[in-house]
């Protein structure tokens, strides 16, 4: 049975086409991985099927009475709400029913006998629905799910605007789980999640009986939870049965077959054209030439899709720094409350260190404290000599109202327009991306703009906060190659072991430093 039907979907932004006559069906129990390079339109597709965006053409039709739960990578939690309030909002539809029930009770005092009978029937129906959805156990259910995702340690009365990126993702996941939707739509749910909670999400999705659509660039995670792949490429959506590895195998075979057919046809076209050119003027062979020309005119010409620009990251390197990059003396990090024990850490020139551990224990705070962006609660940080530091933040600062060109020009005012465009193109951005406003780009494209700033500045130390979030597979592979080749020092927060394996010279487990319960 079809849960979702998408027919002849066409959509674009300005003169940039995203989809061209795309059709899609979601069936009961399908676990779908929606993949494609950054900027191919995966999040746009999710926004269209959830009704947040209207397509230029085409139809989106859901089966009746289907409840859809959507975890959006750009969801903003409202300042002033506590974790408990956000989780309880999963039951808003039940609170609405309770209000409806109270309104009915108020009307019963002045109702006629006929109206009273109808009111009693409505009350019974609402009461049954409330009981069926565990309305009278909401607090217990909220605590149960909060415990499973490690949110109880944060205090459910904490303001959501104080949470880290990973903690916000966990709150949204918990809310989604409490809603018990018929269909899950998940847009990069593993971004900012630590290994423990990625494992929990993996178990949950494997046990999930209903259908889901998952966008993710985390290949091991994708392989472990999906049974179908939909590949978004060149404005089309193509279905493949199996996991990501199976998709790669079939896709490579189809691509090789298409290229062989293209080369064969191109040779045939060249031969026909050559024959026509040599024989159309001669009376004796004119008819044969015309026959071959007709064959040429009727031929369905095979076209190969234009190769996507692959990113090339080459970090510019500054002069060699002193022996020590930084040393800390009894450093206690945090804001109003300490997040760490007194830390005595040091990093030497040439080291490539990865910080791991659960969300909210202070990994980003440690980076910012070493940089001097946050004053320590006590103790001190001593930076080494001759440091040229490059810092990659988790999210883009600013409102995104600049174009990509303006964004790079502000950083490098001495660059010509040609140099700015070349720098962005080397990061895998097309002309249309380069001329777009930053805020209309996908998360992966925005990350490439930030990487463009980083690689064009001379550095000898890189502080990287979750640099792989949102990046597609090609960009991740190229970033790992570039960081491995980088002769400077690296201190990086990362939750993907397959990314830093073979790159890191040391891994620091921040759960050893923290004062938080994990």
Protein backbone atom coordinates (compact mmCIF):
# COMPACT_ATOMS: atom_id res chain seq x y z
CA UNK A 1 0.00 0.00 0.00
CA UNK A 2 1.34 3.42 -0.99
CA UNK A 3 1.72 5.87 1.91
CA UNK A 4 3.10 8.74 -0.17
CA UNK A 5 2.80 9.42 -3.90
CA UNK A 6 4.87 12.14 -5.58
CA UNK A 7 4.12 12.63 -9.29
CA UNK A 8 5.87 14.77 -11.93
CA UNK A 9 7.59 17.01 -9.37
CA UNK A 10 9.48 19.98 -10.83
CA UNK A 11 11.08 22.65 -8.66
CA UNK A 12 13.85 25.24 -8.71
CA UNK A 13 15.17 28.42 -7.10
CA UNK A 14 15.40 31.27 -9.62
CA UNK A 15 17.18 29.88 -12.69
CA UNK A 16 18.62 26.97 -10.72
CA UNK A 17 16.63 23.77 -11.37
CA UNK A 18 16.53 21.26 -8.48
CA UNK A 19 14.07 18.59 -9.76
CA UNK A 20 12.77 17.85 -13.25
CA UNK A 21 9.67 15.63 -13.55
CA UNK A 22 10.49 13.49 -10.48
CA UNK A 23 8.13 10.73 -9.28
CA UNK A 24 8.41 8.77 -6.02
CA UNK A 25 6.40 6.25 -3.97
CA UNK A 26 6.78 5.34 -0.30
CA UNK A 27 5.39 1.94 0.67
CA UNK A 28 4.60 0.49 4.11
CA UNK A 29 7.69 -0.70 5.98
CA UNK A 30 10.25 0.76 3.55
CA UNK A 31 13.43 2.05 5.20
CA UNK A 32 14.79 4.53 2.64
CA UNK A 33 18.16 6.28 2.49
CA UNK A 34 17.92 9.52 0.47
CA UNK A 35 21.41 10.29 -0.82
CA UNK A 36 23.17 12.68 -3.18
CA UNK A 37 25.88 15.32 -3.27
CA UNK A 38 25.53 18.57 -1.32
CA UNK A 39 23.05 20.91 -3.03
CA UNK A 40 21.22 18.23 -5.05
CA UNK A 41 17.96 19.04 -3.19
CA UNK A 42 17.53 16.39 -0.47
CA UNK A 43 16.32 18.81 2.23
CA UNK A 44 14.25 20.68 -0.38
CA UNK A 45 12.53 17.37 -1.25
CA UNK A 46 11.73 16.82 2.46
CA UNK A 47 10.34 20.35 2.74
CA UNK A 48 8.12 19.79 -0.32
CA UNK A 49 6.66 16.47 0.86
CA UNK A 50 5.96 17.94 4.33
CA UNK A 51 4.19 20.96 2.81
CA UNK A 52 6.77 23.52 3.97
CA UNK A 53 7.50 24.35 0.31
CA UNK A 54 5.13 24.38 -2.65
CA UNK A 55 6.58 22.73 -5.79
CA UNK A 56 6.59 24.62 -9.10
CA UNK A 57 4.79 21.66 -10.70
CA UNK A 58 3.58 18.20 -9.70
CA UNK A 59 1.51 16.56 -6.97
CA UNK A 60 2.27 15.31 -3.47
CA UNK A 61 -0.37 13.02 -1.98
CA UNK A 62 -0.27 11.33 1.42
CA UNK A 63 -2.54 8.44 2.42
CA UNK A 64 -5.41 9.52 4.71
CA UNK A 65 -4.85 9.80 8.49
CA UNK A 66 -1.06 9.38 8.26
CA UNK A 67 0.86 11.19 11.03
CA UNK A 68 4.30 12.32 9.84
CA UNK A 69 7.22 13.13 12.16
CA UNK A 70 10.01 15.30 10.68
CA UNK A 71 13.46 15.87 12.20
CA UNK A 72 14.78 18.88 10.31
CA UNK A 73 18.50 19.82 10.43
CA UNK A 74 17.50 23.51 10.64
CA UNK A 75 14.81 23.27 13.35
CA UNK A 76 15.12 26.10 15.88
CA UNK A 77 14.02 25.58 19.48
CA UNK A 78 12.25 28.54 21.07
CA UNK A 79 14.18 30.45 23.72
CA UNK A 80 12.40 30.35 27.09
CA UNK A 81 11.09 26.78 26.68
CA UNK A 82 12.43 24.05 28.93
CA UNK A 83 13.39 20.56 27.74
CA UNK A 84 10.31 19.22 29.55
CA UNK A 85 8.01 21.67 27.73
CA UNK A 86 9.47 20.76 24.32
CA UNK A 87 9.07 17.03 25.02
CA UNK A 88 5.54 17.52 26.38
CA UNK A 89 4.62 19.44 23.20
CA UNK A 90 4.71 16.03 21.46
CA UNK A 91 1.33 15.53 23.10
CA UNK A 92 -0.20 18.88 22.06
CA UNK A 93 -2.87 17.07 20.03
CA UNK A 94 -3.92 15.27 23.23
CA UNK A 95 -4.02 18.50 25.24
CA UNK A 96 -6.24 19.92 22.48
CA UNK A 97 -8.56 16.92 22.95
CA UNK A 98 -8.63 17.53 26.72
CA UNK A 99 -9.60 21.18 26.09
CA UNK A 100 -12.31 20.00 23.69
CA UNK A 101 -13.57 17.62 26.42
CA UNK A 102 -13.66 20.46 28.99
CA UNK A 103 -15.56 22.69 26.53
CA UNK A 104 -18.16 19.92 26.06
CA UNK A 105 -18.53 19.59 29.85
CA UNK A 106 -19.16 23.36 30.13
CA UNK A 107 -21.93 23.15 27.50
CA UNK A 108 -23.69 20.19 29.12
CA UNK A 109 -25.31 22.32 31.83
CA UNK A 110 -27.53 24.16 29.30
CA UNK A 111 -27.90 21.40 26.68
CA UNK A 112 -31.18 19.87 25.47
CA UNK A 113 -31.74 16.14 25.91
CA UNK A 114 -30.82 15.48 22.29
CA UNK A 115 -27.65 17.60 22.54
CA UNK A 116 -26.76 15.92 25.85
CA UNK A 117 -26.88 12.50 24.23
CA UNK A 118 -24.50 13.68 21.45
CA UNK A 119 -22.17 15.32 24.00
CA UNK A 120 -22.01 12.08 26.05
CA UNK A 121 -21.07 10.14 22.91
CA UNK A 122 -18.37 12.69 21.98
CA UNK A 123 -16.99 12.61 25.54
CA UNK A 124 -16.74 8.83 25.44
CA UNK A 125 -14.86 8.92 22.12
CA UNK A 126 -12.39 11.56 23.36
CA UNK A 127 -11.90 9.71 26.66
CA UNK A 128 -11.07 6.49 24.78
CA UNK A 129 -8.57 8.31 22.56
CA UNK A 130 -6.87 9.95 25.57
CA UNK A 131 -6.58 6.60 27.34
CA UNK A 132 -5.30 4.86 24.19
CA UNK A 133 -2.52 7.47 23.78
CA UNK A 134 -1.45 7.21 27.46
CA UNK A 135 -2.54 10.79 28.19
CA UNK A 136 -2.61 10.19 31.93
CA UNK A 137 0.98 8.88 31.90
CA UNK A 138 2.60 11.70 29.93
CA UNK A 139 5.07 12.72 32.65
CA UNK A 140 6.25 9.12 33.09
CA UNK A 141 6.67 8.66 29.31
CA UNK A 142 8.61 11.93 28.97
CA UNK A 143 11.01 10.81 31.70
CA UNK A 144 11.40 7.32 30.19
CA UNK A 145 12.46 8.65 26.76
CA UNK A 146 14.59 11.43 28.29
CA UNK A 147 16.46 8.77 30.27
CA UNK A 148 17.06 6.65 27.12
CA UNK A 149 18.67 9.63 25.35
CA UNK A 150 20.67 10.90 28.32
CA UNK A 151 18.59 14.06 28.79
CA UNK A 152 17.73 13.55 32.47
CA UNK A 153 21.33 14.44 33.43
CA UNK A 154 20.81 17.88 31.84
CA UNK A 155 17.75 18.62 34.01
CA UNK A 156 14.43 18.72 32.20
CA UNK A 157 13.82 22.26 33.52
CA UNK A 158 16.82 23.63 31.61
CA UNK A 159 16.21 26.28 28.91
CA UNK A 160 16.65 24.73 25.44
CA UNK A 161 18.55 27.80 24.20
CA UNK A 162 21.42 26.84 26.57
CA UNK A 163 21.93 23.45 24.90
CA UNK A 164 24.74 22.39 22.57
CA UNK A 165 24.00 21.34 18.97
CA UNK A 166 24.04 17.65 19.90
CA UNK A 167 21.81 18.17 22.93
CA UNK A 168 19.26 20.05 20.78
CA UNK A 169 19.26 17.17 18.27
CA UNK A 170 18.62 14.70 21.10
CA UNK A 171 15.71 16.80 22.42
CA UNK A 172 14.15 16.89 18.93
CA UNK A 173 14.68 13.13 18.51
CA UNK A 174 13.07 12.47 21.89
CA UNK A 175 10.08 14.64 20.95
CA UNK A 176 9.72 12.75 17.68
CA UNK A 177 9.83 9.41 19.47
CA UNK A 178 7.14 10.54 21.92
CA UNK A 179 4.90 11.63 19.03
CA UNK A 180 4.90 8.02 17.72
CA UNK A 181 4.37 9.11 14.08
CA UNK A 182 3.37 6.65 11.36
CA UNK A 183 6.22 7.88 9.16
CA UNK A 184 9.63 9.26 10.19
CA UNK A 185 11.47 11.80 8.05
CA UNK A 186 15.02 12.31 9.34
CA UNK A 187 17.40 14.93 7.92
CA UNK A 188 20.98 14.18 9.03
CA UNK A 189 20.00 12.95 12.51
CA UNK A 190 23.54 11.84 13.45
CA UNK A 191 25.04 15.34 13.13
CA UNK A 192 26.41 16.32 16.55
CA UNK A 193 25.38 12.98 18.13
CA UNK A 194 28.03 11.05 20.06
CA UNK A 195 28.79 7.38 19.34
CA UNK A 196 26.61 6.07 22.19
CA UNK A 197 23.45 7.80 20.96
CA UNK A 198 24.14 7.03 17.29
CA UNK A 199 24.18 3.36 18.40
CA UNK A 200 20.86 3.91 20.24
CA UNK A 201 19.29 5.55 17.15
CA UNK A 202 20.57 2.66 15.00
CA UNK A 203 18.82 0.13 17.28
CA UNK A 204 15.63 2.20 17.30
CA UNK A 205 15.48 2.47 13.48
CA UNK A 206 16.25 -1.23 13.02
CA UNK A 207 13.30 -2.08 15.29
CA UNK A 208 11.02 0.56 13.70
CA UNK A 209 8.11 -1.21 12.01
CA UNK A 210 6.81 1.75 10.03
CA UNK A 211 8.43 3.45 7.02
CA UNK A 212 11.10 6.14 7.24
CA UNK A 213 13.11 8.35 4.89
CA UNK A 214 16.62 9.15 6.10
CA UNK A 215 19.08 11.72 4.76
CA UNK A 216 22.61 10.96 5.94
CA UNK A 217 26.22 11.19 4.76
CA UNK A 218 27.28 8.78 7.54
CA UNK A 219 27.80 5.66 5.38
CA UNK A 220 28.26 3.02 8.15
CA UNK A 221 25.07 4.32 9.80
CA UNK A 222 23.15 4.29 6.48
CA UNK A 223 24.31 0.75 5.70
CA UNK A 224 23.08 -0.51 9.06
CA UNK A 225 19.48 0.81 8.88
CA UNK A 226 18.19 1.13 5.27
CA UNK A 227 16.92 -1.42 2.73
CA UNK A 228 16.36 0.99 -0.19
CA UNK A 229 18.40 3.84 -1.65
CA UNK A 230 16.98 6.78 -3.62
CA UNK A 231 19.80 8.64 -5.37
CA UNK A 232 19.24 12.32 -6.11
CA UNK A 233 21.44 13.38 -9.01
CA UNK A 234 21.12 15.73 -12.01
CA UNK A 235 17.52 16.72 -11.10
CA UNK A 236 16.42 13.06 -11.08
CA UNK A 237 15.57 10.53 -8.36
CA UNK A 238 16.58 6.90 -8.99
CA UNK A 239 15.61 3.85 -6.89
CA UNK A 240 18.08 1.11 -5.89
CA UNK A 241 17.25 -1.98 -3.82
CA UNK A 242 19.66 -2.67 -0.95
CA UNK A 243 22.02 -0.62 1.24
CA UNK A 244 24.56 2.06 0.23
CA UNK A 245 27.30 -0.44 -0.64
CA UNK A 246 24.92 -2.28 -2.99
CA UNK A 247 23.90 1.06 -4.55
CA UNK A 248 27.56 1.94 -5.23
CA UNK A 249 28.10 -1.43 -6.92
CA UNK A 250 25.02 -1.14 -9.19
CA UNK A 251 25.57 2.59 -9.88
CA UNK A 252 29.19 1.99 -10.97
CA UNK A 253 28.03 -0.83 -13.29
CA UNK A 254 25.24 1.33 -14.83
CA UNK A 255 27.65 4.22 -15.29
CA UNK A 256 30.21 1.97 -17.03
CA UNK A 257 27.50 0.53 -19.32
CA UNK A 258 26.24 4.00 -20.23
CA UNK A 259 29.78 5.23 -20.98
CA UNK A 260 30.44 2.17 -23.19
CA UNK A 261 27.16 2.74 -25.08
CA UNK A 262 28.01 6.47 -25.44
CA UNK A 263 31.49 5.76 -26.83
CA UNK A 264 30.09 3.17 -29.27
CA UNK A 265 27.39 5.60 -30.45
CA UNK A 266 29.87 8.47 -30.81
CA UNK A 267 32.02 6.29 -33.09
CA UNK A 268 28.93 5.36 -35.15
CA UNK A 269 27.93 9.06 -35.42
CA UNK A 270 31.45 10.00 -36.53
CA UNK A 271 31.47 7.23 -39.17
CA UNK A 272 28.03 8.26 -40.50
CA UNK A 273 28.97 11.93 -40.66
CA UNK A 274 32.19 11.07 -42.43
CA UNK A 275 30.32 8.94 -45.00
CA UNK A 276 27.73 11.67 -45.64
CA UNK A 277 30.42 14.32 -46.05
CA UNK A 278 32.37 12.22 -48.55
CA UNK A 279 29.42 10.92 -50.60
CA UNK A 280 26.60 13.52 -50.66
CA UNK A 281 28.08 15.35 -53.66
CA UNK A 282 28.51 12.29 -55.87
CA UNK A 283 25.48 11.25 -57.96
CA UNK A 284 26.21 7.53 -57.64
CA UNK A 285 26.35 7.59 -53.81
CA UNK A 286 23.98 10.50 -53.01
CA UNK A 287 21.05 8.20 -52.07
CA UNK A 288 23.20 6.19 -49.64
CA UNK A 289 24.44 9.45 -48.09
CA UNK A 290 20.85 10.72 -47.67
CA UNK A 291 19.87 7.39 -46.08
CA UNK A 292 22.67 7.71 -43.53
CA UNK A 293 21.74 11.35 -42.88
CA UNK A 294 18.17 10.25 -42.06
CA UNK A 295 19.57 7.66 -39.67
CA UNK A 296 21.60 10.39 -38.00
CA UNK A 297 18.58 12.69 -37.73
CA UNK A 298 16.42 9.99 -36.11
CA UNK A 299 19.06 8.77 -33.67
CA UNK A 300 18.36 9.12 -29.92
CA UNK A 301 21.68 10.60 -28.87
CA UNK A 302 23.02 9.33 -25.54
CA UNK A 303 24.11 12.15 -23.27
CA UNK A 304 26.46 11.74 -20.34
CA UNK A 305 25.68 13.86 -17.28
CA UNK A 306 28.18 16.62 -16.68
CA UNK A 307 30.73 15.62 -14.06
CA UNK A 308 30.06 17.30 -10.73
CA UNK A 309 32.93 19.54 -9.61
CA UNK A 310 34.82 17.59 -6.95
CA UNK A 311 36.28 19.63 -4.10
CA UNK A 312 40.03 20.11 -3.77
CA UNK A 313 41.25 21.23 -0.37
CA UNK A 314 44.85 22.41 -0.03
CA UNK A 315 45.63 24.16 3.24
CA UNK A 316 48.05 27.08 3.06
CA UNK A 317 50.73 26.67 5.69
CA UNK A 318 52.35 29.40 7.81
CA UNK A 319 55.86 29.36 9.31
CA UNK A 320 56.80 26.63 11.79
CA UNK A 321 55.57 27.44 15.35
CA UNK A 322 57.39 26.80 18.63
CA UNK A 323 57.57 23.34 20.20
CA UNK A 324 54.35 23.70 22.24
CA UNK A 325 51.03 24.69 20.68
CA UNK A 326 49.40 25.24 24.09
CA UNK A 327 49.79 24.26 27.73
CA UNK A 328 47.10 24.52 30.41
CA UNK A 329 47.66 25.01 34.14
CA UNK A 330 44.76 23.76 36.32
CA UNK A 331 42.36 25.00 33.66
CA UNK A 332 38.67 24.83 34.62
CA UNK A 333 36.34 25.52 31.69
CA UNK A 334 32.66 26.44 31.74
CA UNK A 335 30.22 29.30 31.83
CA UNK A 336 28.39 29.84 35.12
CA UNK A 337 29.25 26.33 36.35
CA UNK A 338 32.43 24.30 35.81
CA UNK A 339 32.35 21.77 32.95
CA UNK A 340 35.73 20.24 33.77
CA UNK A 341 38.09 19.23 36.53
CA UNK A 342 41.34 21.24 36.68
CA UNK A 343 43.10 20.31 33.44
CA UNK A 344 46.84 20.13 32.85
CA UNK A 345 47.09 19.44 29.12
CA UNK A 346 49.69 20.13 26.50
CA UNK A 347 49.88 19.82 22.75
CA UNK A 348 53.13 19.71 20.80
CA UNK A 349 53.90 20.85 17.27
CA UNK A 350 52.86 18.28 14.64
CA UNK A 351 50.28 16.48 16.79
CA UNK A 352 46.81 15.77 15.34
CA UNK A 353 44.48 15.27 18.30
CA UNK A 354 40.79 14.33 18.21
CA UNK A 355 38.42 15.18 21.08
CA UNK A 356 35.64 12.63 21.64
CA UNK A 357 32.90 12.09 24.23
CA UNK A 358 29.21 12.66 24.80
CA UNK A 359 27.41 15.89 23.85
CA UNK A 360 27.40 18.74 26.33
CA UNK A 361 30.51 17.74 28.28
CA UNK A 362 32.52 20.72 27.05
CA UNK A 363 34.43 19.76 23.87
CA UNK A 364 33.50 22.99 22.03
CA UNK A 365 33.99 24.99 25.24
CA UNK A 366 37.51 23.53 25.56
CA UNK A 367 38.34 24.61 21.98
CA UNK A 368 37.03 28.13 22.62
CA UNK A 369 38.88 28.36 25.95
CA UNK A 370 42.18 27.39 24.27
CA UNK A 371 41.50 30.03 21.59
CA UNK A 372 40.80 32.64 24.27
CA UNK A 373 37.21 33.20 23.09
CA UNK A 374 35.89 32.15 26.53
CA UNK A 375 37.66 33.13 29.75
CA UNK A 376 38.44 30.15 32.04
CA UNK A 377 36.63 29.87 35.37
CA UNK A 378 40.05 29.30 36.91
CA UNK A 379 43.56 28.31 35.84
CA UNK A 380 45.16 29.43 32.60
CA UNK A 381 46.03 28.60 29.00
CA UNK A 382 49.43 29.49 27.58
CA UNK A 383 49.61 29.55 23.80
CA UNK A 384 52.91 28.74 22.07
CA UNK A 385 55.06 31.04 19.96
CA UNK A 386 54.42 31.99 16.31
CA UNK A 387 50.93 30.45 16.11
CA UNK A 388 48.72 31.11 13.11
CA UNK A 389 45.40 29.53 14.13
CA UNK A 390 42.54 28.56 11.80
CA UNK A 391 39.19 27.90 13.51
CA UNK A 392 36.26 26.01 11.95
CA UNK A 393 33.02 26.51 13.92
CA UNK A 394 30.10 24.03 13.98
CA UNK A 395 27.68 26.49 12.35
CA UNK A 396 27.96 29.53 10.09
CA UNK A 397 27.87 32.88 11.89
CA UNK A 398 25.86 35.80 10.51
CA UNK A 399 22.43 35.88 8.88
CA UNK A 400 23.58 34.48 5.51
CA UNK A 401 22.40 37.54 3.57
CA UNK A 402 25.73 37.82 1.70
CA UNK A 403 26.38 35.99 -1.55
CA UNK A 404 29.19 33.44 -1.42
CA UNK A 405 31.38 35.87 -3.37
CA UNK A 406 30.77 38.65 -0.81
CA UNK A 407 31.41 36.24 2.07
CA UNK A 408 34.90 35.38 0.75
CA UNK A 409 35.65 38.95 -0.34
CA UNK A 410 35.07 40.20 3.22
CA UNK A 411 37.73 37.75 4.43
CA UNK A 412 40.15 38.43 1.55
CA UNK A 413 39.53 41.98 0.25
CA UNK A 414 42.75 41.84 -1.82
CA UNK A 415 41.43 39.00 -4.01
CA UNK A 416 40.19 39.74 -7.53
CA UNK A 417 36.75 38.44 -8.51
CA UNK A 418 38.48 35.73 -10.56
CA UNK A 419 40.48 34.60 -7.49
CA UNK A 420 37.33 34.53 -5.30
CA UNK A 421 35.40 32.47 -7.87
CA UNK A 422 38.35 30.10 -8.35
CA UNK A 423 38.72 29.58 -4.59
CA UNK A 424 35.02 28.70 -4.21
CA UNK A 425 35.03 26.48 -7.31
CA UNK A 426 37.96 24.49 -5.90
CA UNK A 427 35.77 23.74 -2.87
CA UNK A 428 33.22 22.04 -5.14
CA UNK A 429 30.75 24.90 -5.64
CA UNK A 430 29.22 25.59 -9.06
CA UNK A 431 28.74 29.05 -10.61
CA UNK A 432 25.07 29.08 -9.54
CA UNK A 433 26.02 28.24 -5.93
CA UNK A 434 28.78 30.87 -5.93
CA UNK A 435 26.34 33.62 -6.98
CA UNK A 436 23.61 32.52 -4.52
CA UNK A 437 22.95 33.97 -1.07
CA UNK A 438 24.62 31.89 1.64
CA UNK A 439 21.30 31.34 3.46
CA UNK A 440 19.71 29.50 0.50
CA UNK A 441 22.58 26.97 0.32
CA UNK A 442 22.36 23.51 1.87
CA UNK A 443 24.23 22.76 5.11
CA UNK A 444 26.99 21.01 3.12
CA UNK A 445 27.42 23.92 0.70
CA UNK A 446 27.65 26.38 3.62
CA UNK A 447 30.32 24.15 5.20
CA UNK A 448 32.30 24.34 1.92
CA UNK A 449 32.14 28.16 2.02
CA UNK A 450 33.56 28.10 5.57
CA UNK A 451 36.25 25.63 4.50
CA UNK A 452 37.10 27.99 1.61
CA UNK A 453 37.90 30.72 4.16
CA UNK A 454 40.01 28.31 6.20
CA UNK A 455 42.15 26.82 3.42
CA UNK A 456 42.99 30.22 1.91
CA UNK A 457 44.45 31.61 5.13
CA UNK A 458 47.99 30.64 6.14
CA UNK A 459 47.86 28.54 9.30
CA UNK A 460 50.06 26.23 11.33
CA UNK A 461 47.33 25.12 13.79
CA UNK A 462 43.76 24.07 12.93
CA UNK A 463 40.98 23.95 15.55
CA UNK A 464 38.07 22.10 13.93
CA UNK A 465 34.66 21.67 15.56
CA UNK A 466 32.74 18.81 13.83
CA UNK A 467 34.09 19.63 10.34
CA UNK A 468 32.40 16.60 8.69
CA UNK A 469 28.82 17.59 9.59
CA UNK A 470 26.69 18.05 6.42
CA UNK A 471 29.57 17.21 4.05
CA UNK A 472 28.88 14.67 1.30
CA UNK A 473 31.06 11.58 0.79
CA UNK A 474 33.42 13.14 -1.81
CA UNK A 475 34.00 16.24 0.31
CA UNK A 476 34.69 14.14 3.44
CA UNK A 477 37.19 11.96 1.59
CA UNK A 478 38.99 15.00 0.19
CA UNK A 479 39.02 16.75 3.59
CA UNK A 480 40.56 13.67 5.23
CA UNK A 481 43.24 13.55 2.51
CA UNK A 482 44.01 17.27 2.94
CA UNK A 483 44.20 17.06 6.76
CA UNK A 484 46.45 14.00 6.54
CA UNK A 485 48.77 15.91 4.17
CA UNK A 486 48.70 19.08 6.37
CA UNK A 487 52.07 19.57 8.08
CA UNK A 488 50.66 21.75 10.84
CA UNK A 489 48.95 20.70 14.09
CA UNK A 490 45.26 19.81 14.44
CA UNK A 491 42.89 19.76 17.41
CA UNK A 492 39.53 18.46 16.22
CA UNK A 493 36.12 17.55 17.68
CA UNK A 494 34.71 14.64 15.67
CA UNK A 495 32.14 11.87 16.23
CA UNK A 496 33.04 9.77 13.15
CA UNK A 497 35.81 7.23 13.94
CA UNK A 498 36.07 6.20 10.27
CA UNK A 499 36.99 9.84 9.45
CA UNK A 500 39.79 10.33 11.98
CA UNK A 501 41.12 6.75 11.83
CA UNK A 502 44.58 6.96 10.25
CA UNK A 503 44.61 10.76 10.61
CA UNK A 504 44.78 11.29 14.39
CA UNK A 505 48.03 10.85 16.29
CA UNK A 506 46.06 10.83 19.58
CA UNK A 507 42.43 10.67 20.75
CA UNK A 508 41.45 12.44 23.97
CA UNK A 509 38.29 11.11 25.63
CA UNK A 510 36.73 14.22 27.20
CA UNK A 511 34.59 12.11 29.55
CA UNK A 512 37.83 11.79 31.57
CA UNK A 513 37.93 15.59 32.03
CA UNK A 514 34.30 16.47 32.61
CA UNK A 515 32.40 17.12 35.83
CA UNK A 516 29.14 16.16 34.04
CA UNK A 517 27.46 12.80 34.51
CA UNK A 518 27.69 10.79 31.27
